Amino acid sequence: MLLLTTGIAQAQEIFIKDQYAIGGYDPVAYFTDGKPVKGTEKFMHSWNGAQWKFSSQEHLDLFKKSPEKYAPQYGGYCAFGMSGGYKAPTEADAFTIHNGKLYLNYNHSVRSEWDPKKEELIIKADKNWPSVKATKP
């Protein structure tokens, strides 16, 4: 059943974990706090087919004004995986902010591999995303 649920979630454009976009982490906090912060059900917003949680009203308001600024690239799927043309889940603390954009990775090991080549891998991932975003892994 877990595999079926994961497959369904990953058929969506946004990475859903535990019923929420990016596992219920506040996407704005990556920029303002420099770390992953769990959101709460008190501050939620539906955007791009997913429920997003925020840690404060201020973060929710910032996201509502400019969701593309704060939402992770590739719907929150692994940036390294997307450079290879596939969707992979991500861990909240395996992140990078580069050129004002949030990128998530599968784990710290993958992020370590992605980081030194991120410029070229982002170009590949950007090319792959339009054709991969609505597919199952």
C-alpha atoms as a PDB file:
ATOM      1  CA  MET A   1       0.000   0.000   0.000  1.00  0.00           C
ATOM      2  CA  LEU A   2       2.860   2.386   0.773  1.00  0.00           C
ATOM      3  CA  LEU A   3       4.271   1.980  -2.729  1.00  0.00           C
ATOM      4  CA  LEU A   4       0.878   2.661  -4.239  1.00  0.00           C
ATOM      5  CA  THR A   5       0.427   5.808  -2.150  1.00  0.00           C
ATOM      6  CA  THR A   6       3.921   7.044  -3.013  1.00  0.00           C
ATOM      7  CA  GLY A   7       3.300   6.387  -6.719  1.00  0.00           C
ATOM      8  CA  ILE A   8       0.074   8.337  -6.669  1.00  0.00           C
ATOM      9  CA  ALA A   9       1.688  11.255  -4.872  1.00  0.00           C
ATOM     10  CA  GLN A  10       4.571  11.358  -7.292  1.00  0.00           C
ATOM     11  CA  ALA A  11       2.239  11.426 -10.291  1.00  0.00           C
ATOM     12  CA  GLN A  12       1.412  14.946  -9.171  1.00  0.00           C
ATOM     13  CA  GLU A  13       3.384  18.042 -10.046  1.00  0.00           C
ATOM     14  CA  ILE A  14       4.063  18.773  -6.356  1.00  0.00           C
ATOM     15  CA  PHE A  15       5.911  16.326  -4.109  1.00  0.00           C
ATOM     16  CA  ILE A  16       3.387  15.280  -1.454  1.00  0.00           C
ATOM     17  CA  LYS A  17       4.532  13.584   1.728  1.00  0.00           C
ATOM     18  CA  ASP A  18       2.250  12.955   4.709  1.00  0.00           C
ATOM     19  CA  GLN A  19      -0.629  14.632   2.796  1.00  0.00           C
ATOM     20  CA  TYR A  20       1.144  17.998   2.425  1.00  0.00           C
ATOM     21  CA  ALA A  21       3.422  19.662  -0.099  1.00  0.00           C
ATOM     22  CA  ILE A  22       7.064  19.007   0.773  1.00  0.00           C
ATOM     23  CA  GLY A  23       6.050  17.045   3.856  1.00  0.00           C
ATOM     24  CA  GLY A  24       4.393  19.981   5.579  1.00  0.00           C
ATOM     25  CA  TYR A  25       7.505  22.130   5.756  1.00  0.00           C
ATOM     26  CA  ASP A  26       7.192  25.885   5.381  1.00  0.00           C
ATOM     27  CA  PRO A  27       8.791  26.829   2.026  1.00  0.00           C
ATOM     28  CA  VAL A  28       9.225  30.468   3.072  1.00  0.00           C
ATOM     29  CA  ALA A  29      11.247  29.481   6.160  1.00  0.00           C
ATOM     30  CA  TYR A  30      14.083  28.193   3.969  1.00  0.00           C
ATOM     31  CA  PHE A  31      14.589  31.789   2.848  1.00  0.00           C
ATOM     32  CA  THR A  32      13.822  33.667   6.078  1.00  0.00           C
ATOM     33  CA  ASP A  33      15.186  31.233   8.683  1.00  0.00           C
ATOM     34  CA  GLY A  34      17.801  29.460   6.558  1.00  0.00           C
ATOM     35  CA  LYS A  35      16.522  26.044   7.623  1.00  0.00           C
ATOM     36  CA  PRO A  36      13.515  23.744   7.289  1.00  0.00           C
ATOM     37  CA  VAL A  37      10.692  24.584   9.698  1.00  0.00           C
ATOM     38  CA  LYS A  38       7.523  22.530  10.041  1.00  0.00           C
ATOM     39  CA  GLY A  39       4.341  24.389   9.204  1.00  0.00           C
ATOM     40  CA  THR A  40       1.096  24.079  11.144  1.00  0.00           C
ATOM     41  CA  GLU A  41      -2.499  23.433  10.187  1.00  0.00           C
ATOM     42  CA  LYS A  42      -3.318  26.895  11.518  1.00  0.00           C
ATOM     43  CA  PHE A  43      -1.543  28.456   8.512  1.00  0.00           C
ATOM     44  CA  MET A  44      -2.416  26.508   5.361  1.00  0.00           C
ATOM     45  CA  HIS A  45      -2.909  27.419   1.739  1.00  0.00           C
ATOM     46  CA  SER A  46      -3.941  25.453  -1.328  1.00  0.00           C
ATOM     47  CA  TRP A  47      -1.750  26.149  -4.350  1.00  0.00           C
ATOM     48  CA  ASN A  48      -0.955  24.219  -7.526  1.00  0.00           C
ATOM     49  CA  GLY A  49      -3.035  21.212  -6.474  1.00  0.00           C
ATOM     50  CA  ALA A  50      -1.437  20.775  -3.049  1.00  0.00           C
ATOM     51  CA  GLN A  51      -1.902  21.865   0.547  1.00  0.00           C
ATOM     52  CA  TRP A  52       1.017  23.930   1.859  1.00  0.00           C
ATOM     53  CA  LYS A  53       1.715  24.548   5.543  1.00  0.00           C
ATOM     54  CA  PHE A  54       3.416  27.601   7.038  1.00  0.00           C
ATOM     55  CA  SER A  55       4.870  28.388  10.446  1.00  0.00           C
ATOM     56  CA  SER A  56       3.366  31.888  10.664  1.00  0.00           C
ATOM     57  CA  GLN A  57       0.768  34.194   9.145  1.00  0.00           C
ATOM     58  CA  GLU A  58       3.619  36.330   7.800  1.00  0.00           C
ATOM     59  CA  HIS A  59       5.064  33.378   5.860  1.00  0.00           C
ATOM     60  CA  LEU A  60       1.640  32.427   4.536  1.00  0.00           C
ATOM     61  CA  ASP A  61       1.075  35.995   3.332  1.00  0.00           C
ATOM     62  CA  LEU A  62       4.496  36.129   1.639  1.00  0.00           C
ATOM     63  CA  PHE A  63       3.764  32.862  -0.172  1.00  0.00           C
ATOM     64  CA  LYS A  64       0.319  34.005  -1.292  1.00  0.00           C
ATOM     65  CA  LYS A  65       1.830  37.155  -2.806  1.00  0.00           C
ATOM     66  CA  SER A  66       4.513  35.292  -4.729  1.00  0.00           C
ATOM     67  CA  PRO A  67       4.290  31.476  -4.592  1.00  0.00           C
ATOM     68  CA  GLU A  68       6.748  30.970  -7.451  1.00  0.00           C
ATOM     69  CA  LYS A  69       9.391  32.857  -5.466  1.00  0.00           C
ATOM     70  CA  TYR A  70       9.177  30.482  -2.487  1.00  0.00           C
ATOM     71  CA  ALA A  71       8.013  27.135  -3.864  1.00  0.00           C
ATOM     72  CA  PRO A  72      10.841  24.676  -4.427  1.00  0.00           C
ATOM     73  CA  GLN A  73      11.965  24.004  -7.952  1.00  0.00           C
ATOM     74  CA  TYR A  74      10.625  20.899  -9.707  1.00  0.00           C
ATOM     75  CA  GLY A  75       7.634  20.771  -7.377  1.00  0.00           C
ATOM     76  CA  GLY A  76       9.853  19.785  -4.465  1.00  0.00           C
ATOM     77  CA  TYR A  77      11.181  16.636  -6.125  1.00  0.00           C
ATOM     78  CA  CYS A  78      14.901  15.929  -6.026  1.00  0.00           C
ATOM     79  CA  ALA A  79      16.883  18.384  -8.157  1.00  0.00           C
ATOM     80  CA  PHE A  80      19.579  15.797  -8.845  1.00  0.00           C
ATOM     81  CA  GLY A  81      16.971  13.247  -9.936  1.00  0.00           C
ATOM     82  CA  MET A  82      15.303  15.789 -12.191  1.00  0.00           C
ATOM     83  CA  SER A  83      18.640  16.432 -13.904  1.00  0.00           C
ATOM     84  CA  GLY A  84      18.515  12.747 -14.840  1.00  0.00           C
ATOM     85  CA  GLY A  85      14.926  13.025 -16.022  1.00  0.00           C
ATOM     86  CA  TYR A  86      13.110  11.336 -13.139  1.00  0.00           C
ATOM     87  CA  LYS A  87      11.206  12.190  -9.971  1.00  0.00           C
ATOM     88  CA  ALA A  88      12.592  11.238  -6.582  1.00  0.00           C
ATOM     89  CA  PRO A  89      11.375  12.106  -3.086  1.00  0.00           C
ATOM     90  CA  THR A  90      13.270  14.589  -0.951  1.00  0.00           C
ATOM     91  CA  GLU A  91      14.300  15.190   2.634  1.00  0.00           C
ATOM     92  CA  ALA A  92      13.544  18.601   4.118  1.00  0.00           C
ATOM     93  CA  ASP A  93      17.055  19.230   5.415  1.00  0.00           C
ATOM     94  CA  ALA A  94      18.828  18.346   2.144  1.00  0.00           C
ATOM     95  CA  PHE A  95      18.319  21.747   0.540  1.00  0.00           C
ATOM     96  CA  THR A  96      20.169  24.508  -1.264  1.00  0.00           C
ATOM     97  CA  ILE A  97      19.170  28.050  -2.112  1.00  0.00           C
ATOM     98  CA  HIS A  98      20.909  29.076  -5.313  1.00  0.00           C
ATOM     99  CA  ASN A  99      20.251  32.265  -7.280  1.00  0.00           C
ATOM    100  CA  GLY A 100      17.187  32.944  -5.137  1.00  0.00           C
ATOM    101  CA  LYS A 101      15.601  29.542  -5.779  1.00  0.00           C
ATOM    102  CA  LEU A 102      15.011  26.610  -3.440  1.00  0.00           C
ATOM    103  CA  TYR A 103      16.266  23.179  -4.493  1.00  0.00           C
ATOM    104  CA  LEU A 104      15.611  20.006  -2.522  1.00  0.00           C
ATOM    105  CA  ASN A 105      17.502  16.729  -2.773  1.00  0.00           C
ATOM    106  CA  TYR A 106      16.853  13.112  -1.895  1.00  0.00           C
ATOM    107  CA  ASN A 107      19.280  13.205   1.044  1.00  0.00           C
ATOM    108  CA  HIS A 108      22.568  14.797   2.159  1.00  0.00           C
ATOM    109  CA  SER A 109      24.682  12.348   0.180  1.00  0.00           C
ATOM    110  CA  VAL A 110      22.870  13.183  -3.049  1.00  0.00           C
ATOM    111  CA  ARG A 111      23.062  16.893  -2.254  1.00  0.00           C
ATOM    112  CA  SER A 112      26.840  16.552  -1.797  1.00  0.00           C
ATOM    113  CA  GLU A 113      27.060  14.984  -5.247  1.00  0.00           C
ATOM    114  CA  TRP A 114      24.708  17.576  -6.787  1.00  0.00           C
ATOM    115  CA  ASP A 115      26.232  20.679  -5.210  1.00  0.00           C
ATOM    116  CA  PRO A 116      29.587  20.966  -7.043  1.00  0.00           C
ATOM    117  CA  LYS A 117      27.862  20.420 -10.420  1.00  0.00           C
ATOM    118  CA  LYS A 118      24.639  22.280  -9.665  1.00  0.00           C
ATOM    119  CA  GLU A 119      25.008  24.867 -12.449  1.00  0.00           C
ATOM    120  CA  GLU A 120      25.087  22.244 -15.215  1.00  0.00           C
ATOM    121  CA  LEU A 121      22.604  19.966 -13.449  1.00  0.00           C
ATOM    122  CA  ILE A 122      20.077  22.787 -13.032  1.00  0.00           C
ATOM    123  CA  ILE A 123      20.218  23.411 -16.786  1.00  0.00           C
ATOM    124  CA  LYS A 124      19.481  19.717 -17.410  1.00  0.00           C
ATOM    125  CA  ALA A 125      16.739  19.607 -14.779  1.00  0.00           C
ATOM    126  CA  ASP A 126      15.105  22.760 -16.176  1.00  0.00           C
ATOM    127  CA  LYS A 127      14.978  21.092 -19.601  1.00  0.00           C
ATOM    128  CA  ASN A 128      13.565  17.844 -18.179  1.00  0.00           C
ATOM    129  CA  TRP A 129      10.923  19.315 -15.871  1.00  0.00           C
ATOM    130  CA  PRO A 130       8.272  20.266 -18.480  1.00  0.00           C
ATOM    131  CA  SER A 131       8.035  16.710 -19.803  1.00  0.00           C
ATOM    132  CA  VAL A 132       8.473  14.955 -16.442  1.00  0.00           C
ATOM    133  CA  LYS A 133       6.277  17.013 -14.100  1.00  0.00           C
ATOM    134  CA  ALA A 134       2.979  15.221 -14.825  1.00  0.00           C
ATOM    135  CA  THR A 135       4.432  11.695 -15.013  1.00  0.00           C
ATOM    136  CA  LYS A 136       4.755   8.926 -12.471  1.00  0.00           C
ATOM    137  CA  PRO A 137       8.265   7.910 -11.482  1.00  0.00           C
END
